[in-house]
Amino acid sequence: MSTAGRPLMLLAPHPADWPARLEAAGVRLTADLAEAEAVYGGLDENDLARAGRLRWLQAPQAGPPPGFYHRALVEHPVVVTNMRDTYTDHVATHTMALVLALCRQIPRYARATSWQPDWDPSLVVPLGESTALVVGVGALGTEIGRLLAAFGTRVTGVDARRTGDPPAGFARLGPPEELDGLLPHADLVIVTVPHTPATEGLFDARRFSLMRAGALFVNVGRGPTVRLDALVDALDSGRLKGAALDVFETEPLPDGHPLWSRALITPHVAGAGPHADERRFAVLLENCRRFAAGLPLMNVVDKDQWH
């Protein structure tokens, strides 16, 4: 492969061996933003104006941080791709760990300092007798639904892009407009949607009020989709039996925030696991090959929707 005339700039942090591996594969690298036709990383408005030859921008994450898709980038003709589906298995496994911990009251036992068996059956949520609602049925939501179904859970889902027959393990799949109608019937709500203009603040006080009393809530998608003050109120009022979050409206979650004592918290680590760098490199290299050949790129983003 040769990318002569289509140089790539590695702007975001990356493993030390990536430049040599890319060059060995025939990718031409540049340190000059004005020369680059492709960039791995993010560009603010000023950098974007300097990148006069830019045609392709590879985001380093599946869901880049807020502000990545600024108005100048959305309006620019550059094609943006992301790293979606590079750690679906890790996040799905982490999600199930959170779900099982909530259903079996593991955090309460883990905090105990003496032998305190509690056989109150009302504290246990039996997955085999429960209904789960997965909000966002992309690759991640599909895998979570499959795993839940293996426990005997009835799984429903809503998704803005996926249509047609429900994926394996799902009893029902509908559009986002059905969310409010499905919330009162779910014992467990799992949010996997990306942060977009449509999903920002998706779960607020009104939506929590629609949830079944005593339901569980899990967010492994993106923090800005959930209003934390509203979640705290729903937990304090007893509307929700429990919550687990890996992502937060404000990150890092401030010390002393009420959720530290009211929810099961993991610090945005659901995607952690082996092979992450290799999977990202594989996407970048394949897109370099396609870019050089003038072929459609993988994981193209709808810039207006940020994913």
Protein backbone atom coordinates (compact mmCIF):
# COMPACT_ATOMS: atom_id res chain seq x y z
CA MET A 1 0.00 0.00 0.00
CA SER A 2 1.21 3.48 -0.78
CA THR A 3 -0.32 6.70 0.51
CA ALA A 4 1.88 9.03 -1.49
CA GLY A 5 0.09 12.35 -1.68
CA ARG A 6 -2.22 11.35 1.19
CA PRO A 7 -0.10 11.80 4.31
CA LEU A 8 -1.40 10.93 7.77
CA MET A 9 -0.67 12.91 10.95
CA LEU A 10 -0.79 11.10 14.31
CA LEU A 11 -2.03 13.92 16.50
CA ALA A 12 -3.58 11.98 19.39
CA PRO A 13 -1.53 9.95 21.90
CA HIS A 14 -0.69 6.50 20.56
CA PRO A 15 1.60 3.53 21.31
CA ALA A 16 5.24 4.18 20.52
CA ASP A 17 5.45 1.48 17.85
CA TRP A 18 2.54 2.75 15.75
CA PRO A 19 4.55 5.10 13.49
CA ALA A 20 7.03 2.41 12.48
CA ARG A 21 4.28 -0.15 11.94
CA LEU A 22 2.25 2.24 9.82
CA GLU A 23 5.26 3.21 7.71
CA ALA A 24 6.17 -0.47 7.26
CA ALA A 25 2.65 -0.97 5.90
CA GLY A 26 3.19 1.83 3.38
CA VAL A 27 1.46 4.68 5.20
CA ARG A 28 3.13 8.05 4.68
CA LEU A 29 3.30 10.03 7.93
CA THR A 30 3.72 13.77 8.37
CA ALA A 31 4.28 16.12 11.30
CA ASP A 32 2.92 19.09 9.34
CA LEU A 33 -0.80 19.69 9.84
CA ALA A 34 -0.94 21.86 6.72
CA GLU A 35 0.28 18.90 4.65
CA ALA A 36 -1.92 16.22 6.22
CA GLU A 37 -4.82 14.78 4.26
CA ALA A 38 -5.68 12.48 7.18
CA VAL A 39 -5.42 12.99 10.94
CA TYR A 40 -5.69 10.59 13.86
CA GLY A 41 -6.95 12.70 16.75
CA GLY A 42 -9.11 15.74 17.35
CA LEU A 43 -8.95 19.22 15.83
CA ASP A 44 -10.24 22.42 17.36
CA GLU A 45 -11.50 25.20 15.13
CA ASN A 46 -8.08 26.84 14.74
CA ASP A 47 -6.31 23.57 13.88
CA LEU A 48 -9.06 22.67 11.44
CA ALA A 49 -8.52 25.98 9.63
CA ARG A 50 -4.80 25.18 9.32
CA ALA A 51 -5.48 21.71 7.90
CA GLY A 52 -6.15 22.92 4.39
CA ARG A 53 -5.74 19.51 2.72
CA LEU A 54 -7.70 17.48 5.28
CA ARG A 55 -10.09 14.88 3.86
CA TRP A 56 -10.38 12.28 6.65
CA LEU A 57 -10.33 12.53 10.46
CA GLN A 58 -10.07 9.35 12.53
CA ALA A 59 -11.39 9.83 16.07
CA PRO A 60 -9.34 7.89 18.64
CA GLN A 61 -12.44 6.77 20.56
CA ALA A 62 -15.88 5.34 19.87
CA GLY A 63 -17.40 8.35 21.59
CA PRO A 64 -15.00 11.31 21.67
CA PRO A 65 -15.25 13.84 24.51
CA PRO A 66 -17.79 16.67 24.46
CA GLY A 67 -16.74 19.41 22.06
CA PHE A 68 -15.05 17.09 19.56
CA TYR A 69 -17.86 17.67 17.06
CA HIS A 70 -17.81 21.45 17.13
CA ARG A 71 -19.80 23.41 14.56
CA ALA A 72 -16.82 24.10 12.30
CA LEU A 73 -16.06 20.37 12.08
CA VAL A 74 -19.70 19.47 11.42
CA GLU A 75 -19.85 21.98 8.57
CA HIS A 76 -16.46 20.98 7.13
CA PRO A 77 -16.50 18.46 4.22
CA VAL A 78 -14.02 16.17 6.01
CA VAL A 79 -15.17 12.57 6.57
CA VAL A 80 -14.97 11.54 10.23
CA THR A 81 -14.67 7.94 11.41
CA ASN A 82 -14.60 6.56 14.93
CA MET A 83 -13.49 3.47 16.86
CA ARG A 84 -16.89 1.93 17.58
CA ASP A 85 -17.10 -1.78 18.28
CA THR A 86 -13.45 -2.08 19.32
CA TYR A 87 -14.27 -2.98 22.94
CA THR A 88 -17.87 -4.23 22.80
CA ASP A 89 -16.99 -7.49 24.56
CA HIS A 90 -15.28 -5.71 27.46
CA VAL A 91 -18.11 -3.23 28.05
CA ALA A 92 -20.79 -5.92 27.77
CA THR A 93 -19.00 -8.11 30.31
CA HIS A 94 -18.55 -5.13 32.64
CA THR A 95 -22.23 -4.30 32.27
CA MET A 96 -23.23 -7.80 33.29
CA ALA A 97 -20.93 -7.56 36.31
CA LEU A 98 -22.74 -4.39 37.38
CA VAL A 99 -26.16 -5.94 36.75
CA LEU A 100 -25.38 -9.10 38.71
CA ALA A 101 -23.89 -7.08 41.57
CA LEU A 102 -27.07 -5.01 41.83
CA CYS A 103 -29.41 -7.97 41.53
CA ARG A 104 -27.59 -9.94 44.25
CA GLN A 105 -26.86 -6.97 46.56
CA ILE A 106 -23.10 -7.55 46.32
CA PRO A 107 -22.11 -3.93 47.18
CA ARG A 108 -24.02 -4.12 50.48
CA TYR A 109 -22.29 -7.36 51.46
CA ALA A 110 -18.92 -6.03 50.32
CA ARG A 111 -19.24 -3.08 52.70
CA ALA A 112 -20.14 -5.28 55.67
CA THR A 113 -17.55 -5.59 58.44
CA SER A 114 -19.17 -8.55 60.22
CA TRP A 115 -21.16 -11.68 59.37
CA GLN A 116 -24.63 -10.36 58.55
CA PRO A 117 -26.60 -12.81 56.42
CA ASP A 118 -29.84 -11.31 55.16
CA TRP A 119 -32.28 -13.60 53.45
CA ASP A 120 -34.93 -10.96 52.71
CA PRO A 121 -36.16 -12.09 49.28
CA SER A 122 -37.34 -8.59 48.40
CA LEU A 123 -33.70 -7.49 48.13
CA VAL A 124 -32.96 -9.93 45.31
CA VAL A 125 -33.89 -9.25 41.68
CA PRO A 126 -34.28 -12.58 39.83
CA LEU A 127 -33.08 -12.03 36.28
CA GLY A 128 -35.04 -15.03 35.05
CA GLU A 129 -38.28 -13.35 36.10
CA SER A 130 -37.39 -9.82 35.02
CA THR A 131 -37.79 -7.57 32.01
CA ALA A 132 -34.83 -5.50 30.86
CA LEU A 133 -34.99 -2.47 28.59
CA VAL A 134 -31.80 -1.76 26.63
CA VAL A 135 -31.69 1.87 25.45
CA GLY A 136 -29.43 1.78 22.41
CA VAL A 137 -29.22 -1.49 20.47
CA GLY A 138 -26.02 -1.07 18.51
CA ALA A 139 -23.21 -3.61 18.76
CA LEU A 140 -22.92 -3.10 22.52
CA GLY A 141 -26.63 -3.14 23.28
CA THR A 142 -27.07 -6.23 21.11
CA GLU A 143 -24.39 -8.14 23.02
CA ILE A 144 -25.79 -7.06 26.39
CA GLY A 145 -29.24 -8.23 25.32
CA ARG A 146 -27.83 -11.59 24.26
CA LEU A 147 -26.15 -12.08 27.62
CA LEU A 148 -29.25 -11.05 29.56
CA ALA A 149 -31.39 -13.45 27.55
CA ALA A 150 -29.04 -16.28 28.55
CA PHE A 151 -30.12 -15.63 32.16
CA GLY A 152 -33.77 -15.97 31.14
CA THR A 153 -34.45 -12.22 31.14
CA ARG A 154 -37.11 -10.87 28.80
CA VAL A 155 -35.23 -8.21 26.83
CA THR A 156 -36.74 -5.23 25.02
CA GLY A 157 -34.91 -2.39 23.33
CA VAL A 158 -35.16 0.96 21.59
CA ASP A 159 -32.78 2.28 18.97
CA ALA A 160 -32.76 5.27 16.63
CA ARG A 161 -31.09 3.50 13.70
CA ARG A 162 -31.83 -0.17 13.95
CA THR A 163 -35.07 -1.33 12.37
CA GLY A 164 -36.56 -4.61 11.29
CA ASP A 165 -36.62 -7.81 13.31
CA PRO A 166 -35.19 -7.68 16.86
CA PRO A 167 -31.69 -9.14 17.25
CA ALA A 168 -31.15 -12.50 18.92
CA GLY A 169 -32.30 -12.47 22.54
CA PHE A 170 -34.65 -9.51 22.16
CA ALA A 171 -38.40 -9.96 22.48
CA ARG A 172 -39.10 -6.51 21.10
CA LEU A 173 -37.27 -3.63 19.41
CA GLY A 174 -38.78 -0.22 18.81
CA PRO A 175 -37.82 3.35 17.91
CA PRO A 176 -36.91 5.98 20.53
CA GLU A 177 -40.50 7.25 20.47
CA GLU A 178 -41.51 4.08 22.34
CA LEU A 179 -39.13 4.69 25.24
CA ASP A 180 -41.64 6.39 27.54
CA GLY A 181 -44.17 3.60 26.99
CA LEU A 182 -41.65 0.85 27.74
CA LEU A 183 -40.07 2.35 30.87
CA PRO A 184 -42.95 1.47 33.24
CA HIS A 185 -42.66 -2.21 32.29
CA ALA A 186 -38.91 -2.67 32.87
CA ASP A 187 -37.35 -4.04 36.04
CA LEU A 188 -33.92 -3.11 34.70
CA VAL A 189 -32.97 -0.23 32.38
CA ILE A 190 -29.54 -0.27 30.72
CA VAL A 191 -28.38 2.79 28.79
CA THR A 192 -25.75 2.31 26.06
CA VAL A 193 -26.56 5.21 23.72
CA PRO A 194 -23.81 7.62 22.61
CA HIS A 195 -23.83 11.29 23.53
CA THR A 196 -25.64 13.11 20.73
CA PRO A 197 -27.84 16.21 20.49
CA ALA A 198 -30.85 13.89 20.78
CA THR A 199 -29.61 11.90 23.81
CA GLU A 200 -28.17 14.68 25.97
CA GLY A 201 -30.17 14.65 29.19
CA LEU A 202 -32.25 11.72 27.93
CA PHE A 203 -32.80 10.48 31.46
CA ASP A 204 -34.06 13.37 33.54
CA ALA A 205 -36.57 13.71 36.38
CA ARG A 206 -39.51 13.07 34.06
CA ARG A 207 -38.07 9.86 32.65
CA PHE A 208 -37.09 8.53 36.07
CA SER A 209 -40.65 9.19 37.22
CA LEU A 210 -41.88 6.90 34.44
CA MET A 211 -39.78 3.96 35.57
CA ARG A 212 -41.30 1.09 37.51
CA ALA A 213 -41.04 1.54 41.26
CA GLY A 214 -38.11 -0.49 42.55
CA ALA A 215 -36.39 -0.77 39.16
CA LEU A 216 -32.63 -0.86 38.64
CA PHE A 217 -30.76 1.59 36.40
CA VAL A 218 -27.37 1.14 34.67
CA ASN A 219 -25.49 3.57 32.42
CA VAL A 220 -22.48 2.36 30.43
CA GLY A 221 -23.00 4.61 27.40
CA ARG A 222 -22.04 8.24 27.89
CA GLY A 223 -22.36 10.42 30.98
CA PRO A 224 -24.22 13.42 29.54
CA THR A 225 -27.22 11.21 28.72
CA VAL A 226 -28.18 11.08 32.42
CA ARG A 227 -28.91 14.02 34.72
CA LEU A 228 -27.18 13.02 37.94
CA ASP A 229 -29.25 15.27 40.24
CA ALA A 230 -32.41 13.60 38.94
CA LEU A 231 -30.88 10.16 39.49
CA VAL A 232 -29.95 11.03 43.07
CA ASP A 233 -33.53 12.19 43.71
CA ALA A 234 -34.92 8.97 42.23
CA LEU A 235 -32.70 6.90 44.51
CA ASP A 236 -33.37 8.99 47.60
CA SER A 237 -37.13 8.84 47.07
CA GLY A 238 -37.03 5.07 46.72
CA ARG A 239 -38.31 5.23 43.18
CA LEU A 240 -35.27 3.22 42.11
CA LYS A 241 -33.97 0.27 44.08
CA GLY A 242 -30.44 0.75 42.83
CA ALA A 243 -28.17 2.17 40.17
CA ALA A 244 -24.76 1.43 38.68
CA LEU A 245 -22.77 3.81 36.50
CA ASP A 246 -19.49 3.71 34.65
CA VAL A 247 -19.93 7.12 32.97
CA PHE A 248 -21.02 10.45 34.42
CA GLU A 249 -22.37 13.85 33.48
CA THR A 250 -19.28 15.30 35.17
CA GLU A 251 -16.04 13.33 35.02
CA PRO A 252 -14.32 12.59 37.22
CA LEU A 253 -17.28 12.31 39.59
CA PRO A 254 -16.44 14.85 42.32
CA ASP A 255 -15.38 13.66 45.76
CA GLY A 256 -18.32 13.84 48.11
CA HIS A 257 -20.94 13.54 45.38
CA PRO A 258 -24.09 11.83 46.74
CA LEU A 259 -23.80 9.00 44.21
CA TRP A 260 -20.64 7.69 45.88
CA SER A 261 -22.82 6.43 48.74
CA ARG A 262 -26.00 5.72 46.77
CA ALA A 263 -24.87 3.86 43.65
CA LEU A 264 -22.38 1.29 42.41
CA ILE A 265 -19.63 3.34 40.77
CA THR A 266 -16.84 2.37 38.40
CA PRO A 267 -14.61 5.17 37.03
CA HIS A 268 -15.21 4.94 33.24
CA VAL A 269 -13.33 1.64 32.97
CA ALA A 270 -15.92 -0.60 31.29
CA GLY A 271 -13.88 -0.64 28.07
CA ALA A 272 -10.68 -1.69 29.83
CA GLY A 273 -9.30 -5.03 28.75
CA PRO A 274 -6.68 -6.72 26.62
CA HIS A 275 -6.08 -5.98 22.93
CA ALA A 276 -7.49 -2.42 22.99
CA ASP A 277 -4.48 -0.85 21.27
CA GLU A 278 -4.31 -3.62 18.67
CA ARG A 279 -7.98 -3.27 17.84
CA ARG A 280 -7.66 0.50 17.39
CA PHE A 281 -4.56 0.04 15.27
CA ALA A 282 -6.41 -2.47 13.08
CA VAL A 283 -9.20 0.05 12.43
CA LEU A 284 -6.72 2.85 11.70
CA LEU A 285 -4.63 0.69 9.34
CA GLU A 286 -7.66 -0.65 7.47
CA ASN A 287 -8.99 2.85 7.03
CA CYS A 288 -5.57 3.98 5.79
CA ARG A 289 -5.72 1.25 3.18
CA ARG A 290 -9.22 2.22 2.13
CA PHE A 291 -8.33 5.92 2.07
CA ALA A 292 -5.34 5.24 -0.18
CA ALA A 293 -7.51 3.16 -2.53
CA GLY A 294 -10.40 5.61 -2.59
CA LEU A 295 -12.75 3.08 -0.97
CA PRO A 296 -15.50 3.76 1.61
CA LEU A 297 -14.10 4.05 5.13
CA MET A 298 -15.11 2.00 8.17
CA ASN A 299 -17.17 3.50 10.99
CA VAL A 300 -18.17 6.71 9.21
CA VAL A 301 -19.83 9.19 11.56
CA ASP A 302 -22.96 11.26 11.03
CA LYS A 303 -21.32 14.47 12.20
CA ASP A 304 -24.64 16.16 12.95
CA GLN A 305 -25.43 13.33 15.36
CA TRP A 306 -21.83 12.93 16.65
CA HIS A 307 -21.76 9.18 15.96
